[in-house]
Amino acid sequence: VQLQASGGGLVQAGGSLRLSCAVSGGIFTVNNIGWYRQAPGTQRELVASITSGGNTNYADSVKGRFTISRDNVKKTVFLQLNSLKPEDTGVYYCNRNSPVNQRWNWGQGTQVTVSS
């Protein structure tokens, strides 16, 4: 399975970005997918997830500001980031929302930098 995240960039606080992650080589539709964030000097954390049926869940830090969605035909998962804060800065990755040993190989992620 290959994961290709894109859409990151440099944005001012309060701005928005839309991230995309294309999944190739796997059975996309049955998998629960998550967006993960790794800020400098910290561990990767799950910020949003979506089940195969479209149910979503968010970390408290992003609830009300981020929206995860998926397109099963295009095998792509999206993350809409609104009202961005400097603490949202980090590299964003998508992967299966599953135990660590069941995740796919991480792609390179996409960098999001929010300036104050």
N, C-alpha and C. Protein backbone atom coordinates (compact mmCIF):
# COMPACT_ATOMS: atom_id res chain seq x y z
N VAL A 1 0.85 -1.18 0.00
CA VAL A 1 0.00 0.00 0.00
C VAL A 1 0.89 1.24 0.00
N GLN A 2 0.51 2.20 -0.83
CA GLN A 2 1.23 3.47 -0.86
C GLN A 2 0.30 4.60 -0.48
N LEU A 3 0.81 5.52 0.34
CA LEU A 3 0.05 6.66 0.82
C LEU A 3 0.71 7.93 0.31
N GLN A 4 -0.07 8.77 -0.34
CA GLN A 4 0.46 10.02 -0.89
C GLN A 4 -0.36 11.18 -0.34
N ALA A 5 0.20 11.87 0.65
CA ALA A 5 -0.48 13.02 1.24
C ALA A 5 -0.04 14.30 0.54
N SER A 6 -0.96 15.24 0.42
CA SER A 6 -0.66 16.51 -0.24
C SER A 6 -1.59 17.59 0.31
N GLY A 7 -1.30 18.84 -0.06
CA GLY A 7 -2.16 19.95 0.30
C GLY A 7 -1.66 20.83 1.42
N GLY A 8 -0.55 20.46 2.03
CA GLY A 8 -0.01 21.27 3.10
C GLY A 8 0.58 22.57 2.59
N GLY A 9 1.00 23.41 3.52
CA GLY A 9 1.61 24.68 3.14
C GLY A 9 1.79 25.57 4.33
N LEU A 10 2.14 26.82 4.04
CA LEU A 10 2.32 27.85 5.06
C LEU A 10 1.09 28.74 5.05
N VAL A 11 0.49 28.92 6.21
CA VAL A 11 -0.73 29.72 6.30
C VAL A 11 -0.70 30.51 7.59
N GLN A 12 -1.36 31.66 7.59
CA GLN A 12 -1.45 32.47 8.81
C GLN A 12 -2.51 31.90 9.74
N ALA A 13 -2.35 32.18 11.01
CA ALA A 13 -3.35 31.76 11.99
C ALA A 13 -4.73 32.25 11.57
N GLY A 14 -5.71 31.36 11.72
CA GLY A 14 -7.06 31.66 11.28
C GLY A 14 -7.37 31.20 9.87
N GLY A 15 -6.35 30.80 9.14
CA GLY A 15 -6.54 30.37 7.76
C GLY A 15 -7.00 28.93 7.65
N SER A 16 -7.08 28.47 6.41
CA SER A 16 -7.59 27.13 6.12
C SER A 16 -6.70 26.41 5.11
N LEU A 17 -6.74 25.10 5.19
CA LEU A 17 -6.09 24.23 4.21
C LEU A 17 -6.96 23.00 4.02
N ARG A 18 -6.78 22.35 2.88
CA ARG A 18 -7.47 21.09 2.63
C ARG A 18 -6.42 20.06 2.24
N LEU A 19 -6.28 19.05 3.05
CA LEU A 19 -5.31 17.99 2.81
C LEU A 19 -5.99 16.82 2.10
N SER A 20 -5.21 16.15 1.27
CA SER A 20 -5.69 14.95 0.59
C SER A 20 -4.69 13.83 0.81
N CYS A 21 -5.19 12.62 0.83
CA CYS A 21 -4.31 11.46 0.93
C CYS A 21 -4.85 10.37 0.02
N ALA A 22 -4.10 10.08 -1.02
CA ALA A 22 -4.49 9.03 -1.95
C ALA A 22 -3.87 7.70 -1.51
N VAL A 23 -4.70 6.68 -1.49
CA VAL A 23 -4.27 5.35 -1.05
C VAL A 23 -4.28 4.42 -2.25
N SER A 24 -3.16 3.81 -2.53
CA SER A 24 -3.10 2.90 -3.68
C SER A 24 -2.58 1.55 -3.23
N GLY A 25 -3.06 0.52 -3.87
CA GLY A 25 -2.55 -0.83 -3.62
C GLY A 25 -3.23 -1.58 -2.51
N GLY A 26 -4.26 -1.02 -1.89
CA GLY A 26 -4.93 -1.72 -0.81
C GLY A 26 -6.43 -1.71 -0.98
N ILE A 27 -7.11 -2.42 -0.08
CA ILE A 27 -8.56 -2.43 -0.10
C ILE A 27 -9.02 -1.26 0.75
N PHE A 28 -9.35 -0.16 0.11
CA PHE A 28 -9.59 1.10 0.82
C PHE A 28 -10.92 1.09 1.56
N THR A 29 -11.94 0.58 0.90
CA THR A 29 -13.31 0.80 1.39
C THR A 29 -13.59 0.18 2.74
N VAL A 30 -12.91 -0.91 3.08
CA VAL A 30 -13.24 -1.58 4.34
C VAL A 30 -12.44 -1.05 5.51
N ASN A 31 -11.50 -0.16 5.25
CA ASN A 31 -10.61 0.28 6.30
C ASN A 31 -11.04 1.59 6.95
N ASN A 32 -10.86 1.63 8.28
CA ASN A 32 -10.98 2.89 9.00
C ASN A 32 -9.68 3.65 8.81
N ILE A 33 -9.79 4.92 8.46
CA ILE A 33 -8.63 5.73 8.10
C ILE A 33 -8.49 6.89 9.07
N GLY A 34 -7.26 7.20 9.41
CA GLY A 34 -7.01 8.33 10.30
C GLY A 34 -6.02 9.31 9.71
N TRP A 35 -6.16 10.55 10.14
CA TRP A 35 -5.13 11.56 9.89
C TRP A 35 -4.34 11.72 11.19
N TYR A 36 -3.03 11.68 11.05
CA TYR A 36 -2.13 11.80 12.18
C TYR A 36 -1.28 13.05 12.00
N ARG A 37 -0.84 13.59 13.11
CA ARG A 37 -0.02 14.80 13.08
C ARG A 37 1.21 14.57 13.95
N GLN A 38 2.35 15.01 13.45
CA GLN A 38 3.59 14.96 14.24
C GLN A 38 4.21 16.34 14.27
N ALA A 39 4.13 16.96 15.42
CA ALA A 39 4.77 18.26 15.61
C ALA A 39 6.24 18.04 15.95
N PRO A 40 7.07 19.05 15.73
CA PRO A 40 8.50 18.90 16.02
C PRO A 40 8.74 18.47 17.46
N GLY A 41 9.54 17.42 17.64
CA GLY A 41 9.90 16.96 18.98
C GLY A 41 8.82 16.20 19.71
N THR A 42 7.75 15.83 19.02
CA THR A 42 6.66 15.10 19.67
C THR A 42 6.37 13.81 18.92
N GLN A 43 5.60 12.97 19.57
CA GLN A 43 5.18 11.73 18.92
C GLN A 43 4.00 11.99 17.99
N ARG A 44 3.86 11.14 17.02
CA ARG A 44 2.74 11.22 16.11
C ARG A 44 1.43 10.97 16.86
N GLU A 45 0.44 11.80 16.60
CA GLU A 45 -0.83 11.66 17.29
C GLU A 45 -1.97 11.60 16.27
N LEU A 46 -3.01 10.86 16.63
CA LEU A 46 -4.20 10.78 15.80
C LEU A 46 -5.06 12.01 16.05
N VAL A 47 -5.41 12.74 14.98
CA VAL A 47 -6.23 13.93 15.16
C VAL A 47 -7.64 13.75 14.63
N ALA A 48 -7.84 12.85 13.68
CA ALA A 48 -9.18 12.63 13.12
C ALA A 48 -9.23 11.25 12.50
N SER A 49 -10.39 10.64 12.54
CA SER A 49 -10.55 9.32 11.93
C SER A 49 -11.94 9.19 11.33
N ILE A 50 -12.04 8.28 10.37
CA ILE A 50 -13.32 8.02 9.71
C ILE A 50 -13.43 6.52 9.45
N THR A 51 -14.58 5.97 9.78
CA THR A 51 -14.78 4.55 9.59
C THR A 51 -15.16 4.26 8.13
N SER A 52 -15.22 2.99 7.81
CA SER A 52 -15.63 2.60 6.46
C SER A 52 -17.06 3.07 6.18
N GLY A 53 -17.85 3.22 7.23
CA GLY A 53 -19.23 3.67 7.06
C GLY A 53 -19.41 5.17 7.13
N GLY A 54 -18.32 5.89 7.36
CA GLY A 54 -18.39 7.35 7.35
C GLY A 54 -18.54 8.00 8.72
N ASN A 55 -18.49 7.21 9.79
CA ASN A 55 -18.52 7.82 11.12
C ASN A 55 -17.17 8.46 11.43
N THR A 56 -17.22 9.63 12.05
CA THR A 56 -15.99 10.38 12.29
C THR A 56 -15.74 10.59 13.78
N ASN A 57 -14.47 10.82 14.08
CA ASN A 57 -14.07 11.10 15.46
C ASN A 57 -12.89 12.05 15.41
N TYR A 58 -12.79 12.93 16.40
CA TYR A 58 -11.76 13.96 16.40
C TYR A 58 -11.11 14.08 17.77
N ALA A 59 -9.85 14.44 17.76
CA ALA A 59 -9.17 14.80 19.00
C ALA A 59 -9.78 16.10 19.51
N ASP A 60 -9.78 16.26 20.81
CA ASP A 60 -10.38 17.45 21.40
C ASP A 60 -9.73 18.73 20.87
N SER A 61 -8.45 18.66 20.58
CA SER A 61 -7.71 19.85 20.15
C SER A 61 -8.15 20.37 18.78
N VAL A 62 -8.81 19.54 17.98
CA VAL A 62 -9.20 19.96 16.63
C VAL A 62 -10.70 19.93 16.42
N LYS A 63 -11.43 19.45 17.40
CA LYS A 63 -12.88 19.30 17.27
C LYS A 63 -13.52 20.65 16.96
N GLY A 64 -14.38 20.67 15.96
CA GLY A 64 -15.05 21.90 15.56
C GLY A 64 -14.28 22.71 14.54
N ARG A 65 -13.03 22.36 14.29
CA ARG A 65 -12.21 23.10 13.33
C ARG A 65 -11.79 22.24 12.13
N PHE A 66 -11.58 20.96 12.36
CA PHE A 66 -11.16 20.05 11.29
C PHE A 66 -12.33 19.15 10.91
N THR A 67 -12.36 18.77 9.63
CA THR A 67 -13.38 17.85 9.14
C THR A 67 -12.73 16.80 8.25
N ILE A 68 -12.94 15.55 8.59
CA ILE A 68 -12.41 14.44 7.80
C ILE A 68 -13.52 13.88 6.92
N SER A 69 -13.14 13.48 5.71
CA SER A 69 -14.10 12.87 4.79
C SER A 69 -13.34 11.90 3.90
N ARG A 70 -14.10 11.11 3.15
CA ARG A 70 -13.45 10.13 2.28
C ARG A 70 -14.24 9.96 1.00
N ASP A 71 -13.53 9.60 -0.05
CA ASP A 71 -14.14 9.28 -1.34
C ASP A 71 -13.69 7.85 -1.67
N ASN A 72 -14.60 6.90 -1.50
CA ASN A 72 -14.21 5.51 -1.69
C ASN A 72 -13.97 5.15 -3.15
N VAL A 73 -14.55 5.91 -4.06
CA VAL A 73 -14.31 5.65 -5.49
C VAL A 73 -12.89 6.07 -5.85
N LYS A 74 -12.49 7.23 -5.38
CA LYS A 74 -11.15 7.74 -5.68
C LYS A 74 -10.11 7.22 -4.70
N LYS A 75 -10.54 6.47 -3.68
CA LYS A 75 -9.62 5.93 -2.66
C LYS A 75 -8.79 7.05 -2.06
N THR A 76 -9.47 8.09 -1.66
CA THR A 76 -8.82 9.28 -1.12
C THR A 76 -9.51 9.71 0.16
N VAL A 77 -8.74 10.14 1.11
CA VAL A 77 -9.28 10.70 2.34
C VAL A 77 -8.84 12.16 2.42
N PHE A 78 -9.73 13.00 2.94
CA PHE A 78 -9.49 14.43 3.00
C PHE A 78 -9.51 14.91 4.45
N LEU A 79 -8.84 16.02 4.69
CA LEU A 79 -8.92 16.68 5.98
C LEU A 79 -8.99 18.18 5.72
N GLN A 80 -10.15 18.75 6.05
CA GLN A 80 -10.34 20.20 5.94
C GLN A 80 -9.91 20.83 7.27
N LEU A 81 -8.97 21.74 7.19
CA LEU A 81 -8.44 22.40 8.38
C LEU A 81 -8.88 23.85 8.36
N ASN A 82 -9.70 24.25 9.30
CA ASN A 82 -10.16 25.63 9.42
C ASN A 82 -9.71 26.23 10.74
N SER A 83 -9.74 27.54 10.80
CA SER A 83 -9.37 28.27 12.03
C SER A 83 -8.04 27.76 12.57
N LEU A 84 -7.07 27.68 11.70
CA LEU A 84 -5.78 27.09 12.08
C LEU A 84 -5.07 27.91 13.14
N LYS A 85 -4.37 27.19 14.00
CA LYS A 85 -3.60 27.80 15.09
C LYS A 85 -2.13 27.41 14.93
N PRO A 86 -1.22 28.19 15.49
CA PRO A 86 0.21 27.82 15.40
C PRO A 86 0.48 26.41 15.94
N GLU A 87 -0.27 25.97 16.93
CA GLU A 87 -0.05 24.64 17.51
C GLU A 87 -0.52 23.52 16.59
N ASP A 88 -1.15 23.85 15.46
CA ASP A 88 -1.51 22.85 14.46
C ASP A 88 -0.33 22.53 13.54
N THR A 89 0.74 23.25 13.68
CA THR A 89 1.92 23.03 12.85
C THR A 89 2.47 21.62 13.04
N GLY A 90 2.82 20.99 11.94
CA GLY A 90 3.38 19.66 11.99
C GLY A 90 3.29 18.99 10.63
N VAL A 91 3.77 17.76 10.59
CA VAL A 91 3.64 16.95 9.38
C VAL A 91 2.40 16.07 9.55
N TYR A 92 1.55 16.10 8.56
CA TYR A 92 0.29 15.36 8.60
C TYR A 92 0.39 14.13 7.71
N TYR A 93 -0.04 13.01 8.25
CA TYR A 93 0.00 11.73 7.56
C TYR A 93 -1.39 11.08 7.63
N CYS A 94 -1.67 10.24 6.67
CA CYS A 94 -2.85 9.38 6.80
C CYS A 94 -2.37 7.94 6.93
N ASN A 95 -3.20 7.13 7.52
CA ASN A 95 -2.91 5.70 7.67
C ASN A 95 -4.16 5.02 8.21
N ARG A 96 -4.10 3.73 8.31
CA ARG A 96 -5.20 3.00 8.92
C ARG A 96 -5.32 3.43 10.37
N ASN A 97 -6.53 3.54 10.85
CA ASN A 97 -6.77 3.76 12.27
C ASN A 97 -6.87 2.37 12.90
N SER A 98 -5.74 1.86 13.34
CA SER A 98 -5.67 0.47 13.77
C SER A 98 -4.50 0.33 14.74
N PRO A 99 -4.37 -0.82 15.38
CA PRO A 99 -3.17 -1.06 16.19
C PRO A 99 -1.91 -0.84 15.37
N VAL A 100 -0.86 -0.45 16.04
CA VAL A 100 0.38 -0.04 15.36
C VAL A 100 0.87 -1.09 14.39
N ASN A 101 0.79 -2.38 14.80
CA ASN A 101 1.36 -3.43 13.96
C ASN A 101 0.49 -3.75 12.75
N GLN A 102 -0.67 -3.09 12.63
CA GLN A 102 -1.54 -3.33 11.48
C GLN A 102 -1.55 -2.15 10.51
N ARG A 103 -0.78 -1.14 10.80
CA ARG A 103 -0.79 0.03 9.93
C ARG A 103 0.05 -0.22 8.69
N TRP A 104 -0.29 0.53 7.65
CA TRP A 104 0.49 0.50 6.43
C TRP A 104 1.81 1.26 6.63
N ASN A 105 2.71 1.10 5.71
CA ASN A 105 3.94 1.90 5.75
C ASN A 105 3.58 3.38 5.59
N TRP A 106 4.17 4.22 6.40
CA TRP A 106 3.89 5.64 6.35
C TRP A 106 4.44 6.25 5.07
N GLY A 107 3.69 7.14 4.47
CA GLY A 107 4.22 7.93 3.37
C GLY A 107 5.03 9.08 3.92
N GLN A 108 5.36 10.05 3.08
CA GLN A 108 6.20 11.15 3.56
C GLN A 108 5.41 12.22 4.27
N GLY A 109 4.10 12.18 4.21
CA GLY A 109 3.30 13.19 4.87
C GLY A 109 3.32 14.52 4.14
N THR A 110 2.59 15.47 4.69
CA THR A 110 2.56 16.81 4.11
C THR A 110 2.70 17.83 5.24
N GLN A 111 3.58 18.81 5.04
CA GLN A 111 3.91 19.77 6.09
C GLN A 111 2.87 20.89 6.14
N VAL A 112 2.39 21.15 7.35
CA VAL A 112 1.50 22.28 7.61
C VAL A 112 2.22 23.20 8.59
N THR A 113 2.37 24.46 8.21
CA THR A 113 3.01 25.44 9.08
C THR A 113 2.05 26.61 9.24
N VAL A 114 1.73 26.91 10.49
CA VAL A 114 0.81 28.01 10.79
C VAL A 114 1.58 29.10 11.52
N SER A 115 1.61 30.27 10.94
CA SER A 115 2.33 31.39 11.54
C SER A 115 1.37 32.25 12.36
N SER A 116 1.92 32.81 13.42
CA SER A 116 1.08 33.64 14.32
C SER A 116 1.01 35.08 13.85
